Every structure is written in C-alpha cells, then in structure tokens.
N, C-alpha and C. Protein backbone atom coordinates (compact mmCIF):
# COMPACT_ATOMS: atom_id res chain seq x y z
N PRO A 1 0.81 -1.20 0.00
CA PRO A 1 0.01 0.00 0.00
C PRO A 1 0.87 1.27 0.01
N LYS A 2 0.26 2.33 -0.46
CA LYS A 2 0.95 3.61 -0.48
C LYS A 2 1.10 4.12 0.94
N PRO A 3 2.21 4.74 1.28
CA PRO A 3 2.38 5.25 2.64
C PRO A 3 1.45 6.42 2.96
N ASP A 4 1.03 7.19 1.96
CA ASP A 4 0.18 8.34 2.21
C ASP A 4 -1.30 8.04 2.02
N GLY A 5 -1.66 6.86 1.56
CA GLY A 5 -3.04 6.49 1.31
C GLY A 5 -3.64 5.70 2.46
N MET A 6 -4.93 5.47 2.35
CA MET A 6 -5.62 4.70 3.36
C MET A 6 -5.88 3.31 2.79
N THR A 7 -5.68 2.31 3.61
CA THR A 7 -5.99 0.95 3.15
C THR A 7 -7.48 0.71 3.20
N TRP A 8 -7.93 -0.36 2.52
CA TRP A 8 -9.35 -0.63 2.51
C TRP A 8 -9.85 -1.05 3.89
N GLN A 9 -8.96 -1.66 4.70
CA GLN A 9 -9.35 -2.03 6.06
C GLN A 9 -9.62 -0.81 6.91
N GLU A 10 -8.80 0.22 6.75
CA GLU A 10 -9.03 1.45 7.50
C GLU A 10 -10.34 2.12 7.05
N GLY A 11 -10.59 2.13 5.75
CA GLY A 11 -11.84 2.68 5.24
C GLY A 11 -13.06 1.98 5.78
N VAL A 12 -12.99 0.62 5.80
CA VAL A 12 -14.12 -0.16 6.34
C VAL A 12 -14.28 0.13 7.83
N GLY A 13 -13.19 0.21 8.54
CA GLY A 13 -13.24 0.50 10.00
C GLY A 13 -13.88 1.85 10.28
N ILE A 14 -13.48 2.85 9.55
CA ILE A 14 -14.04 4.20 9.73
C ILE A 14 -15.53 4.20 9.37
N ALA A 15 -15.88 3.51 8.29
CA ALA A 15 -17.30 3.43 7.89
C ALA A 15 -18.14 2.74 8.97
N LEU A 16 -17.63 1.66 9.56
CA LEU A 16 -18.37 0.96 10.61
C LEU A 16 -18.52 1.84 11.87
N VAL A 17 -17.49 2.56 12.23
CA VAL A 17 -17.60 3.45 13.38
C VAL A 17 -18.64 4.54 13.12
N CYS A 18 -18.65 5.10 11.91
CA CYS A 18 -19.65 6.13 11.56
C CYS A 18 -21.06 5.56 11.59
N ILE A 19 -21.23 4.35 11.05
CA ILE A 19 -22.56 3.71 11.07
C ILE A 19 -23.00 3.47 12.50
N GLY A 20 -22.10 3.06 13.36
CA GLY A 20 -22.44 2.85 14.78
C GLY A 20 -22.85 4.16 15.45
N LEU A 21 -22.11 5.20 15.21
CA LEU A 21 -22.46 6.50 15.80
C LEU A 21 -23.80 7.02 15.31
N LEU A 22 -24.04 6.87 14.01
CA LEU A 22 -25.34 7.31 13.46
C LEU A 22 -26.49 6.46 13.99
N GLY A 23 -26.27 5.19 14.13
CA GLY A 23 -27.32 4.33 14.71
C GLY A 23 -27.64 4.70 16.14
N GLY A 24 -26.62 4.95 16.93
CA GLY A 24 -26.84 5.38 18.30
C GLY A 24 -27.57 6.70 18.38
N ALA A 25 -27.19 7.64 17.55
CA ALA A 25 -27.85 8.95 17.52
C ALA A 25 -29.31 8.78 17.10
N TYR A 26 -29.57 7.92 16.13
CA TYR A 26 -30.94 7.66 15.67
C TYR A 26 -31.78 7.07 16.80
N ALA A 27 -31.23 6.11 17.54
CA ALA A 27 -31.96 5.48 18.62
C ALA A 27 -32.28 6.47 19.73
N VAL A 28 -31.36 7.36 20.05
CA VAL A 28 -31.58 8.35 21.09
C VAL A 28 -32.56 9.41 20.63
N ALA A 29 -32.46 9.82 19.38
CA ALA A 29 -33.28 10.92 18.89
C ALA A 29 -34.76 10.52 18.74
N GLN A 30 -35.08 9.25 18.74
CA GLN A 30 -36.47 8.81 18.62
C GLN A 30 -37.24 8.98 19.91
N ARG A 31 -36.57 9.14 21.00
CA ARG A 31 -37.25 9.23 22.30
C ARG A 31 -37.73 10.68 22.53
N PRO A 32 -39.01 10.87 22.81
CA PRO A 32 -39.52 12.23 23.06
C PRO A 32 -38.84 12.89 24.27
N ALA A 33 -38.49 12.12 25.28
CA ALA A 33 -37.82 12.69 26.46
C ALA A 33 -36.51 13.36 26.07
N PHE A 34 -35.81 12.79 25.09
CA PHE A 34 -34.56 13.38 24.63
C PHE A 34 -34.80 14.78 24.08
N TRP A 35 -35.83 14.91 23.20
CA TRP A 35 -36.08 16.18 22.56
C TRP A 35 -36.59 17.22 23.55
N ILE A 36 -37.37 16.78 24.53
CA ILE A 36 -37.85 17.71 25.57
C ILE A 36 -36.67 18.24 26.38
N GLU A 37 -35.81 17.33 26.79
CA GLU A 37 -34.62 17.74 27.55
C GLU A 37 -33.68 18.61 26.71
N PHE A 38 -33.49 18.21 25.47
CA PHE A 38 -32.60 18.97 24.56
C PHE A 38 -33.15 20.39 24.35
N GLY A 39 -34.46 20.51 24.09
CA GLY A 39 -35.07 21.81 23.88
C GLY A 39 -35.00 22.67 25.13
N GLY A 40 -35.23 22.07 26.29
CA GLY A 40 -35.16 22.83 27.55
C GLY A 40 -33.76 23.36 27.80
N ARG A 41 -32.75 22.52 27.59
CA ARG A 41 -31.39 22.98 27.83
C ARG A 41 -30.96 24.03 26.80
N LEU A 42 -31.38 23.85 25.57
CA LEU A 42 -31.05 24.82 24.52
C LEU A 42 -31.69 26.17 24.83
N LEU A 43 -32.95 26.15 25.23
CA LEU A 43 -33.64 27.39 25.56
C LEU A 43 -33.00 28.05 26.79
N GLN A 44 -32.63 27.26 27.76
CA GLN A 44 -31.98 27.78 28.97
C GLN A 44 -30.66 28.48 28.61
N ARG A 45 -29.89 27.90 27.70
CA ARG A 45 -28.61 28.50 27.33
C ARG A 45 -28.78 29.74 26.46
N LEU A 46 -29.82 29.74 25.61
CA LEU A 46 -29.98 30.85 24.66
C LEU A 46 -30.87 31.97 25.22
N ALA A 47 -31.57 31.75 26.30
CA ALA A 47 -32.53 32.73 26.83
C ALA A 47 -31.88 34.10 27.08
N PRO A 48 -30.70 34.19 27.69
CA PRO A 48 -30.10 35.53 27.91
C PRO A 48 -29.84 36.26 26.61
N ARG A 49 -29.37 35.57 25.59
CA ARG A 49 -29.10 36.21 24.31
C ARG A 49 -30.39 36.64 23.63
N ILE A 50 -31.41 35.79 23.70
CA ILE A 50 -32.68 36.13 23.10
C ILE A 50 -33.29 37.36 23.78
N ILE A 51 -33.26 37.38 25.09
CA ILE A 51 -33.80 38.52 25.82
C ILE A 51 -33.03 39.80 25.51
N ALA A 52 -31.70 39.70 25.46
CA ALA A 52 -30.88 40.87 25.14
C ALA A 52 -31.18 41.38 23.75
N TYR A 53 -31.39 40.47 22.79
CA TYR A 53 -31.69 40.87 21.41
C TYR A 53 -33.04 41.54 21.33
N LEU A 54 -34.05 40.99 21.99
CA LEU A 54 -35.39 41.52 21.90
C LEU A 54 -35.59 42.82 22.69
N SER A 55 -34.77 43.04 23.71
CA SER A 55 -34.97 44.21 24.54
C SER A 55 -33.96 45.34 24.28
N ARG A 56 -33.15 45.22 23.23
CA ARG A 56 -32.19 46.27 22.98
C ARG A 56 -32.89 47.52 22.44
N ARG A 57 -32.31 48.65 22.73
CA ARG A 57 -32.93 49.93 22.36
C ARG A 57 -32.35 50.45 21.04
N MET A 58 -33.09 51.31 20.41
CA MET A 58 -32.60 52.02 19.23
C MET A 58 -31.62 53.07 19.70
N THR A 59 -30.79 53.54 18.76
CA THR A 59 -29.93 54.65 19.08
C THR A 59 -30.83 55.89 19.23
N PRO A 60 -30.37 56.92 19.93
CA PRO A 60 -31.18 58.12 20.07
C PRO A 60 -31.61 58.74 18.75
N ASP A 61 -30.74 58.70 17.75
CA ASP A 61 -31.11 59.26 16.44
C ASP A 61 -32.22 58.42 15.79
N GLU A 62 -32.11 57.12 15.86
CA GLU A 62 -33.14 56.25 15.30
C GLU A 62 -34.47 56.42 16.04
N GLU A 63 -34.37 56.54 17.34
CA GLU A 63 -35.60 56.70 18.15
C GLU A 63 -36.31 58.03 17.79
N ASP A 64 -35.53 59.06 17.61
CA ASP A 64 -36.11 60.35 17.23
C ASP A 64 -36.75 60.28 15.85
N ALA A 65 -36.07 59.65 14.91
CA ALA A 65 -36.63 59.50 13.57
C ALA A 65 -37.90 58.65 13.59
N TYR A 66 -37.91 57.60 14.40
CA TYR A 66 -39.10 56.76 14.51
C TYR A 66 -40.28 57.54 15.09
N ARG A 67 -40.01 58.34 16.13
CA ARG A 67 -41.10 59.11 16.74
C ARG A 67 -41.67 60.13 15.78
N ARG A 68 -40.79 60.76 14.97
CA ARG A 68 -41.30 61.71 13.97
C ARG A 68 -42.14 60.98 12.94
N ALA A 69 -41.69 59.80 12.48
CA ALA A 69 -42.44 59.03 11.49
C ALA A 69 -43.76 58.54 12.08
N TYR A 70 -43.76 58.15 13.35
CA TYR A 70 -44.95 57.67 14.00
C TYR A 70 -46.00 58.80 14.09
N ARG A 71 -45.54 59.99 14.46
CA ARG A 71 -46.46 61.13 14.57
C ARG A 71 -47.05 61.46 13.20
N ALA A 72 -46.28 61.25 12.16
CA ALA A 72 -46.75 61.54 10.80
C ALA A 72 -47.59 60.39 10.23
N GLY A 73 -47.76 59.30 11.00
CA GLY A 73 -48.56 58.18 10.55
C GLY A 73 -47.80 57.18 9.69
N ARG A 74 -46.47 57.21 9.72
CA ARG A 74 -45.66 56.31 8.92
C ARG A 74 -44.76 55.44 9.78
N GLY A 75 -45.19 55.13 11.00
CA GLY A 75 -44.35 54.36 11.91
C GLY A 75 -44.06 52.95 11.42
N ASP A 76 -45.09 52.27 10.92
CA ASP A 76 -44.90 50.91 10.42
C ASP A 76 -43.97 50.88 9.20
N GLU A 77 -44.19 51.86 8.34
CA GLU A 77 -43.36 51.94 7.11
C GLU A 77 -41.89 52.18 7.49
N TRP A 78 -41.68 53.05 8.48
CA TRP A 78 -40.31 53.35 8.93
C TRP A 78 -39.66 52.10 9.49
N LEU A 79 -40.39 51.32 10.28
CA LEU A 79 -39.83 50.07 10.85
C LEU A 79 -39.49 49.07 9.75
N ARG A 80 -40.37 48.93 8.77
CA ARG A 80 -40.09 48.01 7.65
C ARG A 80 -38.83 48.42 6.91
N ASP A 81 -38.69 49.72 6.63
CA ASP A 81 -37.48 50.20 5.94
C ASP A 81 -36.24 49.96 6.78
N ARG A 82 -36.36 50.15 8.08
CA ARG A 82 -35.22 49.93 8.97
C ARG A 82 -34.79 48.48 8.94
N MET A 83 -35.77 47.54 8.96
CA MET A 83 -35.43 46.14 8.93
C MET A 83 -34.80 45.74 7.59
N ARG A 84 -35.33 46.28 6.49
CA ARG A 84 -34.76 45.98 5.18
C ARG A 84 -33.31 46.47 5.10
N ASN A 85 -33.04 47.65 5.62
CA ASN A 85 -31.68 48.21 5.56
C ASN A 85 -30.71 47.41 6.45
N ARG A 86 -31.21 46.86 7.54
CA ARG A 86 -30.32 46.07 8.42
C ARG A 86 -29.97 44.75 7.78
N ARG A 87 -30.89 44.17 7.00
CA ARG A 87 -30.59 42.89 6.34
C ARG A 87 -29.54 43.08 5.26
N LYS A 88 -29.53 44.23 4.61
CA LYS A 88 -28.59 44.47 3.51
C LYS A 88 -27.17 44.64 4.03
N ARG A 89 -26.98 45.04 5.26
CA ARG A 89 -25.64 45.29 5.79
C ARG A 89 -24.83 44.06 5.91
C-alpha cells in the first residue's frame, strides 16, 4: 500500500464506526424525552441572548426618527425600511 493512502481495512473500519455513531444517535433521537430535555437545555442556554436581542434599544437618532415618522402616521413603514436596511448590511 501507499504510505500516504488509506488501506481498505481502514476505510471499512471508519465506515463501521460512523454507522455505529449514526445508529446510536438515531436510537436516542427517537425518544420524546430526549427532545424535551434537549429543547429545555437549549432554551436555557440561549434565553439571555434572546432577551438581550429583543430588549435592545434604538440609538437616540433612530428613536427620534421613529417618533417623527410615528407622529406623521408612517411608523410601520419606517420600521419596515429599517429592517430591510439592516438585512442588507
């Protein structure tokens, strides 16, 4: 065999290990208790970031522009434009 290549035995061994890992993951993922626990832990870890994202304030300039647009009856339009511009950045 080539010194830099993989033999067929190594390839078969790696394939069998991968099949075993996938089979174990499949067996665990079928249990509803797994998904409930997984979702709970994920939410617990991400909750501070989600709360920080949802509760962040606009800059004073943006807030002033929004209030002027809101008074003029274009508050929703201003928010849509703001979200479109943020996605383009």
